[in-house]
């Protein structure tokens, strides 16, 4: 039985995959839910399919984030900085933010400088380092982050409406394992 790949297919279905970089189906897989071992070659192809889908999803998420943040002059990149600082719970240096986000120090420094000029962030003296300032959210930055969180929450509910809790939890678990295996 041949089906288009939308959601999680059933055991034994022939699934046609459509990658974001192509307008036509590029491969087919027979779904194996019984835990039979895949060959390394098969796993490699499926892993590549996952990577391509994550790239596509990443682009979509950046676009959605930019759209949600536009009301506050916040891009997805700026939103990530606000989030890293908020989640840290205490002021951070640029290298700390960069490590947390998996970005270069230089990229974070450019964003932080621009966000400071736009009054989203505050620079504080760092008793442990003369040059590395401690960065925190300004009142405006905290308000913008809070408002974006409210918007994002409604958006997340809407986007996940047709996905079961088990599917969401499995997806999160697998993505964390993939991240951990790459970040060794």
C-alpha atoms as a PDB file:
ATOM      1  CA  UNK A   1       0.000   0.000   0.000  1.00  0.00           C
ATOM      2  CA  UNK A   2       1.507   3.348  -1.079  1.00  0.00           C
ATOM      3  CA  UNK A   3       0.816   6.523   0.942  1.00  0.00           C
ATOM      4  CA  UNK A   4       2.108  10.052   1.045  1.00  0.00           C
ATOM      5  CA  UNK A   5       4.126  10.681   4.197  1.00  0.00           C
ATOM      6  CA  UNK A   6       1.977  12.870   6.468  1.00  0.00           C
ATOM      7  CA  UNK A   7       2.340  12.072  10.164  1.00  0.00           C
ATOM      8  CA  UNK A   8       3.338   8.643  11.396  1.00  0.00           C
ATOM      9  CA  UNK A   9       2.640   5.790   8.938  1.00  0.00           C
ATOM     10  CA  UNK A  10       1.466   2.294   9.842  1.00  0.00           C
ATOM     11  CA  UNK A  11       3.479  -0.946   9.820  1.00  0.00           C
ATOM     12  CA  UNK A  12       4.182  -2.208   6.303  1.00  0.00           C
ATOM     13  CA  UNK A  13       3.136   0.936   4.455  1.00  0.00           C
ATOM     14  CA  UNK A  14       5.241   2.069   1.523  1.00  0.00           C
ATOM     15  CA  UNK A  15       5.978   5.712   2.251  1.00  0.00           C
ATOM     16  CA  UNK A  16       6.989   8.261  -0.374  1.00  0.00           C
ATOM     17  CA  UNK A  17       9.257  10.949   1.076  1.00  0.00           C
ATOM     18  CA  UNK A  18       9.349  14.519  -0.179  1.00  0.00           C
ATOM     19  CA  UNK A  19      12.397  16.527   0.856  1.00  0.00           C
ATOM     20  CA  UNK A  20      12.381  20.268   1.051  1.00  0.00           C
ATOM     21  CA  UNK A  21      15.135  20.562  -1.523  1.00  0.00           C
ATOM     22  CA  UNK A  22      13.162  18.717  -4.198  1.00  0.00           C
ATOM     23  CA  UNK A  23       9.681  19.212  -5.607  1.00  0.00           C
ATOM     24  CA  UNK A  24       9.215  15.528  -6.345  1.00  0.00           C
ATOM     25  CA  UNK A  25       9.398  12.371  -4.248  1.00  0.00           C
ATOM     26  CA  UNK A  26      12.961  11.147  -4.030  1.00  0.00           C
ATOM     27  CA  UNK A  27      12.756   7.839  -2.188  1.00  0.00           C
ATOM     28  CA  UNK A  28      10.459   5.273  -0.678  1.00  0.00           C
ATOM     29  CA  UNK A  29      10.705   3.334   2.563  1.00  0.00           C
ATOM     30  CA  UNK A  30       8.758   0.389   3.918  1.00  0.00           C
ATOM     31  CA  UNK A  31       7.824   1.178   7.477  1.00  0.00           C
ATOM     32  CA  UNK A  32       9.234  -1.271  10.026  1.00  0.00           C
ATOM     33  CA  UNK A  33       7.664  -0.888  13.454  1.00  0.00           C
ATOM     34  CA  UNK A  34       8.626  -4.314  14.760  1.00  0.00           C
ATOM     35  CA  UNK A  35      12.155  -3.308  15.700  1.00  0.00           C
ATOM     36  CA  UNK A  36      13.919  -5.320  12.998  1.00  0.00           C
ATOM     37  CA  UNK A  37      17.470  -4.148  12.559  1.00  0.00           C
ATOM     38  CA  UNK A  38      18.191  -1.794   9.677  1.00  0.00           C
ATOM     39  CA  UNK A  39      21.477  -1.991   7.858  1.00  0.00           C
ATOM     40  CA  UNK A  40      23.973   0.827   8.414  1.00  0.00           C
ATOM     41  CA  UNK A  41      23.289   1.963   4.855  1.00  0.00           C
ATOM     42  CA  UNK A  42      19.535   2.078   5.479  1.00  0.00           C
ATOM     43  CA  UNK A  43      20.017   3.944   8.751  1.00  0.00           C
ATOM     44  CA  UNK A  44      22.333   6.405   7.006  1.00  0.00           C
ATOM     45  CA  UNK A  45      19.726   7.163   4.338  1.00  0.00           C
ATOM     46  CA  UNK A  46      16.962   7.644   6.915  1.00  0.00           C
ATOM     47  CA  UNK A  47      19.252   9.798   9.068  1.00  0.00           C
ATOM     48  CA  UNK A  48      20.006  11.960   6.013  1.00  0.00           C
ATOM     49  CA  UNK A  49      16.253  12.270   5.402  1.00  0.00           C
ATOM     50  CA  UNK A  50      15.873  13.437   9.014  1.00  0.00           C
ATOM     51  CA  UNK A  51      18.673  15.992   8.622  1.00  0.00           C
ATOM     52  CA  UNK A  52      17.062  17.395   5.469  1.00  0.00           C
ATOM     53  CA  UNK A  53      13.695  17.634   7.222  1.00  0.00           C
ATOM     54  CA  UNK A  54      15.297  19.350  10.233  1.00  0.00           C
ATOM     55  CA  UNK A  55      16.954  21.870   7.862  1.00  0.00           C
ATOM     56  CA  UNK A  56      13.553  22.570   6.303  1.00  0.00           C
ATOM     57  CA  UNK A  57      11.943  22.842   9.744  1.00  0.00           C
ATOM     58  CA  UNK A  58      14.712  25.152  10.952  1.00  0.00           C
ATOM     59  CA  UNK A  59      14.008  27.536   8.092  1.00  0.00           C
ATOM     60  CA  UNK A  60      10.284  27.425   8.769  1.00  0.00           C
ATOM     61  CA  UNK A  61      10.826  28.079  12.487  1.00  0.00           C
ATOM     62  CA  UNK A  62      13.088  31.059  11.798  1.00  0.00           C
ATOM     63  CA  UNK A  63      10.483  32.498   9.437  1.00  0.00           C
ATOM     64  CA  UNK A  64       7.668  31.966  11.952  1.00  0.00           C
ATOM     65  CA  UNK A  65       9.792  33.438  14.759  1.00  0.00           C
ATOM     66  CA  UNK A  66      10.648  36.484  12.660  1.00  0.00           C
ATOM     67  CA  UNK A  67       6.963  36.990  11.917  1.00  0.00           C
ATOM     68  CA  UNK A  68       5.923  36.636  15.587  1.00  0.00           C
ATOM     69  CA  UNK A  69       8.672  38.998  16.730  1.00  0.00           C
ATOM     70  CA  UNK A  70       8.187  41.672  14.078  1.00  0.00           C
ATOM     71  CA  UNK A  71       5.738  43.600  16.269  1.00  0.00           C
ATOM     72  CA  UNK A  72       8.568  44.161  18.772  1.00  0.00           C
ATOM     73  CA  UNK A  73      11.420  44.523  16.268  1.00  0.00           C
ATOM     74  CA  UNK A  74      12.702  41.101  17.310  1.00  0.00           C
ATOM     75  CA  UNK A  75      14.144  38.618  14.827  1.00  0.00           C
ATOM     76  CA  UNK A  76      14.455  34.922  15.629  1.00  0.00           C
ATOM     77  CA  UNK A  77      18.156  35.441  16.311  1.00  0.00           C
ATOM     78  CA  UNK A  78      17.390  38.187  18.826  1.00  0.00           C
ATOM     79  CA  UNK A  79      14.646  36.064  20.367  1.00  0.00           C
ATOM     80  CA  UNK A  80      17.202  33.305  20.954  1.00  0.00           C
ATOM     81  CA  UNK A  81      19.455  35.742  22.830  1.00  0.00           C
ATOM     82  CA  UNK A  82      16.539  36.913  24.986  1.00  0.00           C
ATOM     83  CA  UNK A  83      15.644  33.280  25.663  1.00  0.00           C
ATOM     84  CA  UNK A  84      19.185  32.256  26.547  1.00  0.00           C
ATOM     85  CA  UNK A  85      19.418  35.091  29.063  1.00  0.00           C
ATOM     86  CA  UNK A  86      15.972  34.489  30.514  1.00  0.00           C
ATOM     87  CA  UNK A  87      16.499  30.737  30.887  1.00  0.00           C
ATOM     88  CA  UNK A  88      19.928  31.237  32.475  1.00  0.00           C
ATOM     89  CA  UNK A  89      18.266  33.094  35.314  1.00  0.00           C
ATOM     90  CA  UNK A  90      21.295  35.315  35.867  1.00  0.00           C
ATOM     91  CA  UNK A  91      23.427  37.697  33.796  1.00  0.00           C
ATOM     92  CA  UNK A  92      25.699  35.988  31.265  1.00  0.00           C
ATOM     93  CA  UNK A  93      28.814  36.872  29.285  1.00  0.00           C
ATOM     94  CA  UNK A  94      28.862  36.705  25.501  1.00  0.00           C
ATOM     95  CA  UNK A  95      30.922  33.451  25.535  1.00  0.00           C
ATOM     96  CA  UNK A  96      28.410  31.871  27.939  1.00  0.00           C
ATOM     97  CA  UNK A  97      25.506  32.821  25.673  1.00  0.00           C
ATOM     98  CA  UNK A  98      27.384  31.567  22.611  1.00  0.00           C
ATOM     99  CA  UNK A  99      28.093  28.184  24.226  1.00  0.00           C
ATOM    100  CA  UNK A 100      24.499  27.781  25.323  1.00  0.00           C
ATOM    101  CA  UNK A 101      23.225  28.586  21.831  1.00  0.00           C
ATOM    102  CA  UNK A 102      25.880  26.718  19.850  1.00  0.00           C
ATOM    103  CA  UNK A 103      26.954  29.889  18.053  1.00  0.00           C
ATOM    104  CA  UNK A 104      30.245  31.692  17.632  1.00  0.00           C
ATOM    105  CA  UNK A 105      31.199  34.361  20.136  1.00  0.00           C
ATOM    106  CA  UNK A 106      31.528  36.892  17.309  1.00  0.00           C
ATOM    107  CA  UNK A 107      27.968  36.279  16.041  1.00  0.00           C
ATOM    108  CA  UNK A 108      26.551  36.651  19.547  1.00  0.00           C
ATOM    109  CA  UNK A 109      28.640  39.787  20.191  1.00  0.00           C
ATOM    110  CA  UNK A 110      27.195  41.485  17.083  1.00  0.00           C
ATOM    111  CA  UNK A 111      23.640  40.643  18.148  1.00  0.00           C
ATOM    112  CA  UNK A 112      24.202  41.664  21.768  1.00  0.00           C
ATOM    113  CA  UNK A 113      25.723  45.011  20.757  1.00  0.00           C
ATOM    114  CA  UNK A 114      22.772  45.802  18.455  1.00  0.00           C
ATOM    115  CA  UNK A 115      20.258  44.681  21.089  1.00  0.00           C
ATOM    116  CA  UNK A 116      21.969  46.874  23.691  1.00  0.00           C
ATOM    117  CA  UNK A 117      21.654  49.858  21.332  1.00  0.00           C
ATOM    118  CA  UNK A 118      17.947  49.014  20.919  1.00  0.00           C
ATOM    119  CA  UNK A 119      17.572  48.947  24.711  1.00  0.00           C
ATOM    120  CA  UNK A 120      16.677  45.255  24.898  1.00  0.00           C
ATOM    121  CA  UNK A 121      19.765  44.376  26.962  1.00  0.00           C
ATOM    122  CA  UNK A 122      21.791  45.877  29.777  1.00  0.00           C
ATOM    123  CA  UNK A 123      25.571  45.676  30.178  1.00  0.00           C
ATOM    124  CA  UNK A 124      26.853  45.259  33.741  1.00  0.00           C
ATOM    125  CA  UNK A 125      30.358  45.216  35.170  1.00  0.00           C
ATOM    126  CA  UNK A 126      31.775  41.724  35.657  1.00  0.00           C
ATOM    127  CA  UNK A 127      33.758  41.330  38.891  1.00  0.00           C
ATOM    128  CA  UNK A 128      35.479  38.241  37.442  1.00  0.00           C
ATOM    129  CA  UNK A 129      36.624  39.829  34.187  1.00  0.00           C
ATOM    130  CA  UNK A 130      37.455  43.432  33.271  1.00  0.00           C
ATOM    131  CA  UNK A 131      36.429  43.311  29.618  1.00  0.00           C
ATOM    132  CA  UNK A 132      33.696  40.627  29.489  1.00  0.00           C
ATOM    133  CA  UNK A 133      30.523  42.438  30.511  1.00  0.00           C
ATOM    134  CA  UNK A 134      27.655  40.625  32.182  1.00  0.00           C
ATOM    135  CA  UNK A 135      24.553  40.895  30.015  1.00  0.00           C
ATOM    136  CA  UNK A 136      20.987  40.891  31.278  1.00  0.00           C
ATOM    137  CA  UNK A 137      17.538  41.701  29.938  1.00  0.00           C
ATOM    138  CA  UNK A 138      16.390  45.289  30.201  1.00  0.00           C
ATOM    139  CA  UNK A 139      12.837  45.958  31.343  1.00  0.00           C
ATOM    140  CA  UNK A 140      11.860  46.366  27.676  1.00  0.00           C
ATOM    141  CA  UNK A 141      13.702  43.146  26.730  1.00  0.00           C
ATOM    142  CA  UNK A 142      11.972  41.190  29.503  1.00  0.00           C
ATOM    143  CA  UNK A 143       8.570  42.559  28.434  1.00  0.00           C
ATOM    144  CA  UNK A 144       9.186  41.701  24.779  1.00  0.00           C
ATOM    145  CA  UNK A 145      10.352  38.186  25.721  1.00  0.00           C
ATOM    146  CA  UNK A 146       7.258  37.670  27.885  1.00  0.00           C
ATOM    147  CA  UNK A 147       4.895  38.859  25.129  1.00  0.00           C
ATOM    148  CA  UNK A 148       6.651  36.637  22.586  1.00  0.00           C
ATOM    149  CA  UNK A 149       6.267  33.707  24.975  1.00  0.00           C
ATOM    150  CA  UNK A 150       2.522  34.291  25.075  1.00  0.00           C
ATOM    151  CA  UNK A 151       2.342  34.423  21.269  1.00  0.00           C
ATOM    152  CA  UNK A 152       4.536  31.342  20.923  1.00  0.00           C
ATOM    153  CA  UNK A 153       2.420  29.364  23.374  1.00  0.00           C
ATOM    154  CA  UNK A 154      -0.738  29.832  21.303  1.00  0.00           C
ATOM    155  CA  UNK A 155       1.189  29.113  18.116  1.00  0.00           C
ATOM    156  CA  UNK A 156       2.585  25.870  19.610  1.00  0.00           C
ATOM    157  CA  UNK A 157      -0.892  24.679  20.609  1.00  0.00           C
ATOM    158  CA  UNK A 158      -2.153  25.363  17.073  1.00  0.00           C
ATOM    159  CA  UNK A 159       0.833  23.657  15.394  1.00  0.00           C
ATOM    160  CA  UNK A 160       0.623  20.548  17.578  1.00  0.00           C
ATOM    161  CA  UNK A 161      -3.155  20.086  17.367  1.00  0.00           C
ATOM    162  CA  UNK A 162      -2.964  17.025  15.099  1.00  0.00           C
ATOM    163  CA  UNK A 163       0.021  15.405  16.839  1.00  0.00           C
ATOM    164  CA  UNK A 164      -0.381  13.065  19.800  1.00  0.00           C
ATOM    165  CA  UNK A 165       1.464  13.552  23.062  1.00  0.00           C
ATOM    166  CA  UNK A 166       3.318  10.263  22.473  1.00  0.00           C
ATOM    167  CA  UNK A 167       4.484  11.454  19.037  1.00  0.00           C
ATOM    168  CA  UNK A 168       5.672  14.765  20.479  1.00  0.00           C
ATOM    169  CA  UNK A 169       7.533  13.080  23.337  1.00  0.00           C
ATOM    170  CA  UNK A 170       9.157  10.531  21.008  1.00  0.00           C
ATOM    171  CA  UNK A 171      10.216  13.278  18.601  1.00  0.00           C
ATOM    172  CA  UNK A 172      11.752  15.312  21.428  1.00  0.00           C
ATOM    173  CA  UNK A 173      13.563  12.283  22.826  1.00  0.00           C
ATOM    174  CA  UNK A 174      15.028  11.284  19.461  1.00  0.00           C
ATOM    175  CA  UNK A 175      16.093  14.834  18.604  1.00  0.00           C
ATOM    176  CA  UNK A 176      17.862  15.102  21.974  1.00  0.00           C
ATOM    177  CA  UNK A 177      19.690  11.812  21.293  1.00  0.00           C
ATOM    178  CA  UNK A 178      20.736  12.978  17.832  1.00  0.00           C
ATOM    179  CA  UNK A 179      21.978  16.288  19.279  1.00  0.00           C
ATOM    180  CA  UNK A 180      23.924  14.445  21.978  1.00  0.00           C
ATOM    181  CA  UNK A 181      25.527  12.074  19.460  1.00  0.00           C
ATOM    182  CA  UNK A 182      26.700  15.012  17.324  1.00  0.00           C
ATOM    183  CA  UNK A 183      27.802  17.151  20.293  1.00  0.00           C
ATOM    184  CA  UNK A 184      30.316  14.624  21.656  1.00  0.00           C
END
